[in-house]
């Protein structure tokens, strides 16, 4: 699968309320569902380029591609 398609599919999974952004809560819920503990706040913050405590689809795509899918 193309990395952009992978990123889009993953974003859609994380964005559980389908509002076009992933919030800190949605990110935490994903981390917990993947049994990643403790929650890595630095991952979220490094993906939040605008600093608004939410990651939109474009920010997520840039973060995903920059980190070679290691979300």
N, C-alpha and C. Protein backbone atom coordinates (compact mmCIF):
# COMPACT_ATOMS: atom_id res chain seq x y z
N UNK A 1 0.84 -1.18 0.00
CA UNK A 1 0.00 0.00 0.00
C UNK A 1 0.89 1.25 0.00
N UNK A 2 0.48 2.23 -0.71
CA UNK A 2 1.19 3.51 -0.77
C UNK A 2 1.19 4.16 0.62
N UNK A 3 2.32 4.75 1.05
CA UNK A 3 2.39 5.37 2.38
C UNK A 3 1.32 6.44 2.62
N UNK A 4 0.97 7.18 1.58
CA UNK A 4 -0.08 8.19 1.76
C UNK A 4 -1.43 7.54 2.02
N UNK A 5 -1.69 6.43 1.35
CA UNK A 5 -2.93 5.70 1.58
C UNK A 5 -2.95 5.10 2.98
N UNK A 6 -1.79 4.59 3.42
CA UNK A 6 -1.68 4.05 4.78
C UNK A 6 -1.96 5.15 5.81
N UNK A 7 -1.37 6.31 5.59
CA UNK A 7 -1.56 7.43 6.51
C UNK A 7 -3.03 7.85 6.56
N UNK A 8 -3.66 7.91 5.41
CA UNK A 8 -5.07 8.29 5.35
C UNK A 8 -5.94 7.29 6.10
N UNK A 9 -5.68 6.01 5.89
CA UNK A 9 -6.45 4.97 6.58
C UNK A 9 -6.25 5.04 8.09
N UNK A 10 -5.03 5.26 8.52
CA UNK A 10 -4.75 5.35 9.94
C UNK A 10 -5.39 6.60 10.55
N UNK A 11 -5.30 7.71 9.84
CA UNK A 11 -5.93 8.94 10.33
C UNK A 11 -7.42 8.71 10.54
N UNK A 12 -8.05 8.05 9.58
CA UNK A 12 -9.49 7.78 9.68
C UNK A 12 -9.81 6.90 10.88
N UNK A 13 -8.91 6.00 11.23
CA UNK A 13 -9.11 5.16 12.43
C UNK A 13 -8.98 5.97 13.71
N UNK A 14 -7.99 6.85 13.75
CA UNK A 14 -7.73 7.63 14.96
C UNK A 14 -8.78 8.73 15.15
N UNK A 15 -9.24 9.32 14.06
CA UNK A 15 -10.23 10.40 14.11
C UNK A 15 -11.62 9.78 14.32
N UNK A 16 -11.87 9.33 15.54
CA UNK A 16 -13.08 8.56 15.81
C UNK A 16 -14.38 9.36 15.68
N UNK A 17 -14.33 10.67 15.90
CA UNK A 17 -15.56 11.45 15.76
C UNK A 17 -15.71 12.06 14.36
N UNK A 18 -14.76 11.75 13.49
CA UNK A 18 -14.81 12.14 12.06
C UNK A 18 -14.98 13.63 11.84
N UNK A 19 -14.27 14.43 12.67
CA UNK A 19 -14.36 15.88 12.51
C UNK A 19 -13.18 16.47 11.74
N UNK A 20 -12.30 15.60 11.25
CA UNK A 20 -11.19 16.07 10.43
C UNK A 20 -9.92 16.38 11.20
N UNK A 21 -9.94 16.19 12.52
CA UNK A 21 -8.74 16.37 13.35
C UNK A 21 -8.67 15.26 14.37
N UNK A 22 -7.44 14.92 14.77
CA UNK A 22 -7.28 13.99 15.88
C UNK A 22 -6.91 14.81 17.10
N UNK A 23 -7.60 14.56 18.17
CA UNK A 23 -7.36 15.27 19.42
C UNK A 23 -6.43 14.45 20.30
N UNK A 24 -5.96 15.07 21.34
CA UNK A 24 -5.12 14.38 22.31
C UNK A 24 -5.86 13.15 22.86
N UNK A 25 -7.14 13.29 23.14
CA UNK A 25 -7.93 12.18 23.66
C UNK A 25 -8.00 11.03 22.66
N UNK A 26 -8.26 11.34 21.40
CA UNK A 26 -8.31 10.29 20.37
C UNK A 26 -6.95 9.60 20.24
N UNK A 27 -5.88 10.38 20.31
CA UNK A 27 -4.54 9.82 20.20
C UNK A 27 -4.27 8.89 21.40
N UNK A 28 -4.63 9.34 22.60
CA UNK A 28 -4.44 8.52 23.80
C UNK A 28 -5.24 7.22 23.69
N UNK A 29 -6.47 7.31 23.23
CA UNK A 29 -7.30 6.12 23.09
C UNK A 29 -6.67 5.13 22.12
N UNK A 30 -6.09 5.64 21.04
CA UNK A 30 -5.43 4.74 20.09
C UNK A 30 -4.21 4.08 20.72
N UNK A 31 -3.42 4.87 21.42
CA UNK A 31 -2.24 4.31 22.07
C UNK A 31 -2.63 3.21 23.06
N UNK A 32 -3.70 3.45 23.81
CA UNK A 32 -4.15 2.45 24.78
C UNK A 32 -4.68 1.21 24.07
N UNK A 33 -5.39 1.38 22.97
CA UNK A 33 -5.93 0.24 22.25
C UNK A 33 -4.82 -0.59 21.61
N UNK A 34 -3.69 0.05 21.33
CA UNK A 34 -2.54 -0.66 20.77
C UNK A 34 -1.64 -1.20 21.87
N UNK A 35 -2.08 -1.03 23.11
CA UNK A 35 -1.34 -1.47 24.30
C UNK A 35 0.03 -0.82 24.41
N UNK A 36 0.09 0.43 24.00
CA UNK A 36 1.33 1.20 24.13
C UNK A 36 1.23 1.98 25.42
N UNK A 37 2.11 1.68 26.33
CA UNK A 37 2.03 2.29 27.62
C UNK A 37 3.46 2.58 28.09
N UNK A 38 3.77 3.71 28.62
CA UNK A 38 2.87 4.82 28.84
C UNK A 38 2.63 5.63 27.56
N UNK A 39 1.62 6.47 27.60
CA UNK A 39 1.30 7.32 26.47
C UNK A 39 2.47 8.26 26.18
N UNK A 40 2.85 8.35 24.92
CA UNK A 40 3.98 9.18 24.51
C UNK A 40 3.48 10.54 24.00
N UNK A 41 3.42 11.50 24.90
CA UNK A 41 2.93 12.84 24.56
C UNK A 41 3.82 13.51 23.53
N UNK A 42 5.11 13.21 23.53
CA UNK A 42 6.02 13.85 22.58
C UNK A 42 5.67 13.48 21.14
N UNK A 43 5.17 12.27 20.92
CA UNK A 43 4.73 11.89 19.56
C UNK A 43 3.60 12.80 19.11
N UNK A 44 2.62 12.97 19.99
CA UNK A 44 1.48 13.82 19.63
C UNK A 44 1.93 15.24 19.36
N UNK A 45 2.72 15.78 20.27
CA UNK A 45 3.14 17.18 20.12
C UNK A 45 4.02 17.39 18.91
N UNK A 46 4.84 16.42 18.54
CA UNK A 46 5.68 16.60 17.36
C UNK A 46 4.85 16.54 16.07
N UNK A 47 3.70 15.89 16.13
CA UNK A 47 2.82 15.87 14.96
C UNK A 47 1.96 17.12 14.85
N UNK A 48 1.77 17.82 15.95
CA UNK A 48 0.93 19.02 16.00
C UNK A 48 1.75 20.24 15.59
N UNK A 49 1.92 20.42 14.31
CA UNK A 49 2.77 21.50 13.80
C UNK A 49 2.23 22.89 14.11
N UNK A 50 0.91 23.04 14.17
CA UNK A 50 0.33 24.36 14.40
C UNK A 50 0.26 24.72 15.88
N UNK A 51 0.45 23.74 16.77
CA UNK A 51 0.43 24.01 18.20
C UNK A 51 -0.96 24.19 18.78
N UNK A 52 -1.99 23.74 18.07
CA UNK A 52 -3.36 23.92 18.56
C UNK A 52 -3.91 22.73 19.34
N UNK A 53 -3.04 21.78 19.67
CA UNK A 53 -3.39 20.58 20.43
C UNK A 53 -4.35 19.66 19.68
N UNK A 54 -4.32 19.76 18.37
CA UNK A 54 -5.08 18.87 17.50
C UNK A 54 -4.25 18.66 16.23
N UNK A 55 -4.39 17.49 15.63
CA UNK A 55 -3.64 17.18 14.42
C UNK A 55 -4.62 16.99 13.28
N UNK A 56 -4.53 17.89 12.30
CA UNK A 56 -5.43 17.73 11.15
C UNK A 56 -4.82 16.73 10.17
N UNK A 57 -5.57 16.41 9.14
CA UNK A 57 -5.16 15.38 8.18
C UNK A 57 -3.80 15.70 7.55
N UNK A 58 -3.55 16.93 7.18
CA UNK A 58 -2.28 17.31 6.55
C UNK A 58 -1.11 17.18 7.53
N UNK A 59 -1.32 17.64 8.77
CA UNK A 59 -0.27 17.49 9.78
C UNK A 59 0.04 16.01 10.00
N UNK A 60 -1.00 15.20 10.06
CA UNK A 60 -0.83 13.77 10.28
C UNK A 60 -0.07 13.14 9.12
N UNK A 61 -0.41 13.51 7.91
CA UNK A 61 0.27 12.96 6.74
C UNK A 61 1.76 13.32 6.77
N UNK A 62 2.08 14.58 7.06
CA UNK A 62 3.48 15.00 7.15
C UNK A 62 4.21 14.23 8.24
N UNK A 63 3.58 14.10 9.41
CA UNK A 63 4.19 13.39 10.53
C UNK A 63 4.42 11.92 10.16
N UNK A 64 3.42 11.29 9.58
CA UNK A 64 3.50 9.87 9.21
C UNK A 64 4.61 9.62 8.20
N UNK A 65 4.66 10.44 7.17
CA UNK A 65 5.69 10.25 6.13
C UNK A 65 7.08 10.57 6.67
N UNK A 66 7.19 11.58 7.50
CA UNK A 66 8.48 11.95 8.09
C UNK A 66 9.03 10.85 8.99
N UNK A 67 8.12 10.15 9.67
CA UNK A 67 8.52 9.11 10.61
C UNK A 67 8.37 7.71 10.03
N UNK A 68 8.23 7.62 8.73
CA UNK A 68 8.17 6.35 8.01
C UNK A 68 7.15 5.39 8.61
N UNK A 69 5.97 5.93 8.93
CA UNK A 69 4.89 5.10 9.42
C UNK A 69 4.97 4.73 10.89
N UNK A 70 5.95 5.22 11.60
CA UNK A 70 6.08 4.88 13.03
C UNK A 70 5.23 5.82 13.86
N UNK A 71 3.95 5.53 13.88
CA UNK A 71 3.00 6.37 14.65
C UNK A 71 2.63 5.67 15.92
